[in-house]
């Protein structure tokens, strides 16, 4: 069995990236797709800091606002 060439792997990587971009452009995005894209980015070393990117800062704020705790998470335990 022969191994794929570096070019074949690069072409496959590019095709997967384009497929993800197409799917993310649709109106109905599944949680499974988001998880898959997140893993793809993570495995390729793609990351950003929320404080350095306006989109990530907005996402972080929305996530924080969506969380509800039965206690104040900023309060120190007694």
N, C-alpha and C. Protein backbone atom coordinates (compact mmCIF):
# COMPACT_ATOMS: atom_id res chain seq x y z
N UNK A 1 0.84 -1.17 0.00
CA UNK A 1 0.00 0.00 0.00
C UNK A 1 0.88 1.23 0.00
N UNK A 2 0.62 2.14 -0.93
CA UNK A 2 1.45 3.34 -1.02
C UNK A 2 0.87 4.46 -0.17
N UNK A 3 1.75 5.31 0.31
CA UNK A 3 1.33 6.44 1.13
C UNK A 3 0.96 7.62 0.24
N UNK A 4 0.09 8.46 0.74
CA UNK A 4 -0.29 9.66 0.00
C UNK A 4 0.89 10.62 -0.04
N UNK A 5 0.99 11.34 -1.14
CA UNK A 5 2.06 12.32 -1.25
C UNK A 5 1.70 13.57 -0.46
N UNK A 6 2.68 14.39 -0.21
CA UNK A 6 2.44 15.63 0.52
C UNK A 6 1.46 16.52 -0.25
N UNK A 7 1.57 16.54 -1.56
CA UNK A 7 0.64 17.33 -2.38
C UNK A 7 -0.78 16.79 -2.27
N UNK A 8 -0.94 15.47 -2.30
CA UNK A 8 -2.27 14.87 -2.17
C UNK A 8 -2.89 15.23 -0.82
N UNK A 9 -2.10 15.18 0.22
CA UNK A 9 -2.59 15.54 1.55
C UNK A 9 -2.93 17.03 1.63
N UNK A 10 -2.10 17.86 1.02
CA UNK A 10 -2.36 19.31 1.01
C UNK A 10 -3.65 19.60 0.24
N UNK A 11 -3.85 18.90 -0.89
CA UNK A 11 -5.08 19.08 -1.67
C UNK A 11 -6.30 18.65 -0.86
N UNK A 12 -6.20 17.55 -0.14
CA UNK A 12 -7.29 17.06 0.70
C UNK A 12 -7.60 18.07 1.82
N UNK A 13 -6.56 18.60 2.42
CA UNK A 13 -6.71 19.60 3.47
C UNK A 13 -7.43 20.83 2.92
N UNK A 14 -7.03 21.29 1.74
CA UNK A 14 -7.65 22.46 1.11
C UNK A 14 -9.12 22.18 0.78
N UNK A 15 -9.41 20.98 0.28
CA UNK A 15 -10.79 20.63 -0.05
C UNK A 15 -11.66 20.59 1.21
N UNK A 16 -11.13 20.06 2.29
CA UNK A 16 -11.87 20.01 3.55
C UNK A 16 -12.13 21.42 4.07
N UNK A 17 -11.13 22.29 3.98
CA UNK A 17 -11.29 23.68 4.40
C UNK A 17 -12.40 24.36 3.60
N UNK A 18 -12.40 24.17 2.28
CA UNK A 18 -13.43 24.78 1.43
C UNK A 18 -14.81 24.22 1.74
N UNK A 19 -14.90 22.92 2.02
CA UNK A 19 -16.19 22.31 2.36
C UNK A 19 -16.73 22.90 3.66
N UNK A 20 -15.85 23.06 4.64
CA UNK A 20 -16.27 23.67 5.91
C UNK A 20 -16.75 25.11 5.67
N UNK A 21 -16.03 25.85 4.86
CA UNK A 21 -16.42 27.23 4.59
C UNK A 21 -17.79 27.29 3.92
N UNK A 22 -18.05 26.41 2.98
CA UNK A 22 -19.36 26.36 2.32
C UNK A 22 -20.47 26.08 3.34
N UNK A 23 -20.25 25.08 4.17
CA UNK A 23 -21.26 24.68 5.15
C UNK A 23 -21.51 25.78 6.18
N UNK A 24 -20.47 26.47 6.58
CA UNK A 24 -20.62 27.55 7.56
C UNK A 24 -21.34 28.75 6.99
N UNK A 25 -21.40 28.85 5.66
CA UNK A 25 -22.11 29.95 5.01
C UNK A 25 -23.61 29.72 4.93
N UNK A 26 -24.08 28.54 5.29
CA UNK A 26 -25.50 28.22 5.23
C UNK A 26 -26.23 28.76 6.45
N UNK A 27 -27.55 28.84 6.35
CA UNK A 27 -28.35 29.36 7.46
C UNK A 27 -28.46 28.39 8.63
N UNK A 28 -28.54 27.11 8.34
CA UNK A 28 -28.75 26.11 9.39
C UNK A 28 -27.45 25.35 9.63
N UNK A 29 -26.78 25.67 10.73
CA UNK A 29 -25.50 25.04 11.05
C UNK A 29 -25.71 24.13 12.26
N UNK A 30 -25.33 22.86 12.12
CA UNK A 30 -25.54 21.90 13.20
C UNK A 30 -24.42 22.01 14.24
N UNK A 31 -24.73 21.66 15.48
CA UNK A 31 -23.71 21.63 16.52
C UNK A 31 -22.58 20.65 16.17
N UNK A 32 -22.91 19.57 15.46
CA UNK A 32 -21.90 18.60 15.06
C UNK A 32 -20.89 19.24 14.11
N UNK A 33 -21.39 20.04 13.18
CA UNK A 33 -20.50 20.74 12.24
C UNK A 33 -19.59 21.70 13.01
N UNK A 34 -20.16 22.45 13.94
CA UNK A 34 -19.35 23.39 14.72
C UNK A 34 -18.26 22.68 15.50
N UNK A 35 -18.59 21.53 16.07
CA UNK A 35 -17.59 20.74 16.80
C UNK A 35 -16.50 20.26 15.86
N UNK A 36 -16.90 19.80 14.69
CA UNK A 36 -15.95 19.31 13.71
C UNK A 36 -15.00 20.42 13.25
N UNK A 37 -15.55 21.59 12.98
CA UNK A 37 -14.74 22.74 12.56
C UNK A 37 -13.80 23.15 13.69
N UNK A 38 -14.33 23.18 14.90
CA UNK A 38 -13.50 23.53 16.06
C UNK A 38 -12.32 22.57 16.21
N UNK A 39 -12.58 21.29 16.06
CA UNK A 39 -11.50 20.29 16.15
C UNK A 39 -10.51 20.46 15.01
N UNK A 40 -11.01 20.74 13.82
CA UNK A 40 -10.14 20.96 12.66
C UNK A 40 -9.19 22.13 12.93
N UNK A 41 -9.73 23.23 13.44
CA UNK A 41 -8.90 24.39 13.75
C UNK A 41 -7.88 24.06 14.84
N UNK A 42 -8.35 23.38 15.88
CA UNK A 42 -7.46 23.02 16.99
C UNK A 42 -6.32 22.12 16.52
N UNK A 43 -6.64 21.12 15.71
CA UNK A 43 -5.62 20.19 15.23
C UNK A 43 -4.63 20.85 14.28
N UNK A 44 -5.02 22.00 13.73
CA UNK A 44 -4.14 22.73 12.82
C UNK A 44 -3.48 23.92 13.51
N UNK A 45 -3.61 23.98 14.84
CA UNK A 45 -2.92 25.02 15.61
C UNK A 45 -3.49 26.41 15.42
N UNK A 46 -4.77 26.51 15.06
CA UNK A 46 -5.39 27.81 14.84
C UNK A 46 -6.11 28.22 16.12
N UNK A 47 -5.75 29.38 16.64
CA UNK A 47 -6.40 29.87 17.85
C UNK A 47 -6.30 31.39 17.87
N UNK A 48 -7.05 32.00 18.77
CA UNK A 48 -6.94 33.44 18.97
C UNK A 48 -7.34 33.75 20.40
N UNK A 49 -6.92 34.89 20.86
CA UNK A 49 -7.25 35.33 22.21
C UNK A 49 -8.46 36.25 22.13
N UNK A 50 -9.47 36.03 22.98
CA UNK A 50 -10.68 36.84 22.91
C UNK A 50 -10.42 38.34 23.09
N UNK A 51 -9.41 38.69 23.83
CA UNK A 51 -9.14 40.11 24.06
C UNK A 51 -8.47 40.78 22.86
N UNK A 52 -8.00 39.99 21.89
CA UNK A 52 -7.31 40.55 20.72
C UNK A 52 -8.16 40.50 19.46
N UNK A 53 -9.36 39.96 19.53
CA UNK A 53 -10.21 39.80 18.35
C UNK A 53 -11.63 40.21 18.70
N UNK A 54 -12.20 41.17 17.97
CA UNK A 54 -13.53 41.69 18.29
C UNK A 54 -14.62 40.62 18.20
N UNK A 55 -14.54 39.74 17.20
CA UNK A 55 -15.55 38.68 17.07
C UNK A 55 -15.49 37.72 18.26
N UNK A 56 -14.28 37.36 18.67
CA UNK A 56 -14.13 36.45 19.82
C UNK A 56 -14.55 37.15 21.11
N UNK A 57 -14.24 38.44 21.23
CA UNK A 57 -14.64 39.18 22.42
C UNK A 57 -16.16 39.20 22.53
N UNK A 58 -16.83 39.40 21.40
CA UNK A 58 -18.29 39.42 21.37
C UNK A 58 -18.86 38.04 21.73
N UNK A 59 -18.24 36.98 21.19
CA UNK A 59 -18.67 35.62 21.49
C UNK A 59 -18.48 35.31 22.97
N UNK A 60 -17.35 35.72 23.52
CA UNK A 60 -17.07 35.49 24.94
C UNK A 60 -18.11 36.19 25.81
N UNK A 61 -18.44 37.44 25.48
CA UNK A 61 -19.43 38.19 26.24
C UNK A 61 -20.80 37.52 26.15
N UNK A 62 -21.18 37.08 24.94
CA UNK A 62 -22.48 36.41 24.77
C UNK A 62 -22.53 35.12 25.57
N UNK A 63 -21.44 34.37 25.60
CA UNK A 63 -21.39 33.12 26.36
C UNK A 63 -21.49 33.40 27.85
N UNK A 64 -20.79 34.42 28.31
CA UNK A 64 -20.84 34.77 29.73
C UNK A 64 -22.25 35.21 30.12
N UNK A 65 -22.91 35.96 29.25
CA UNK A 65 -24.27 36.43 29.54
C UNK A 65 -25.27 35.29 29.51
N UNK A 66 -24.99 34.24 28.74
CA UNK A 66 -25.91 33.11 28.63
C UNK A 66 -25.82 32.18 29.83
N UNK A 67 -24.71 32.24 30.55
CA UNK A 67 -24.54 31.35 31.71
C UNK A 67 -25.32 31.89 32.89
N UNK A 68 -26.01 31.00 33.56
CA UNK A 68 -26.66 31.42 34.80
C UNK A 68 -26.27 30.44 35.89
N UNK A 69 -25.83 30.98 36.99
CA UNK A 69 -25.39 30.17 38.11
C UNK A 69 -26.36 30.37 39.27
N UNK A 70 -26.58 29.35 40.09
CA UNK A 70 -27.42 29.51 41.27
C UNK A 70 -26.65 30.22 42.39
N UNK A 71 -25.47 30.74 42.07
CA UNK A 71 -24.62 31.42 43.03
C UNK A 71 -23.80 32.46 42.28
N UNK A 72 -23.11 33.31 42.97
CA UNK A 72 -22.25 34.30 42.35
C UNK A 72 -20.86 33.67 42.15
N UNK A 73 -20.45 33.39 40.90
CA UNK A 73 -19.16 32.71 40.68
C UNK A 73 -17.96 33.57 41.07
N UNK A 74 -18.17 34.89 41.23
CA UNK A 74 -17.06 35.77 41.60
C UNK A 74 -16.87 35.86 43.11
N UNK A 75 -17.85 35.35 43.85
CA UNK A 75 -17.80 35.41 45.31
C UNK A 75 -16.92 34.28 45.86
N UNK A 76 -16.08 34.62 46.82
CA UNK A 76 -15.22 33.63 47.46
C UNK A 76 -16.05 32.76 48.40
N UNK A 77 -15.79 31.44 48.43
CA UNK A 77 -16.53 30.58 49.38
C UNK A 77 -16.15 30.93 50.81
N UNK A 78 -17.07 30.69 51.71
CA UNK A 78 -16.85 31.04 53.13
C UNK A 78 -16.09 29.95 53.83
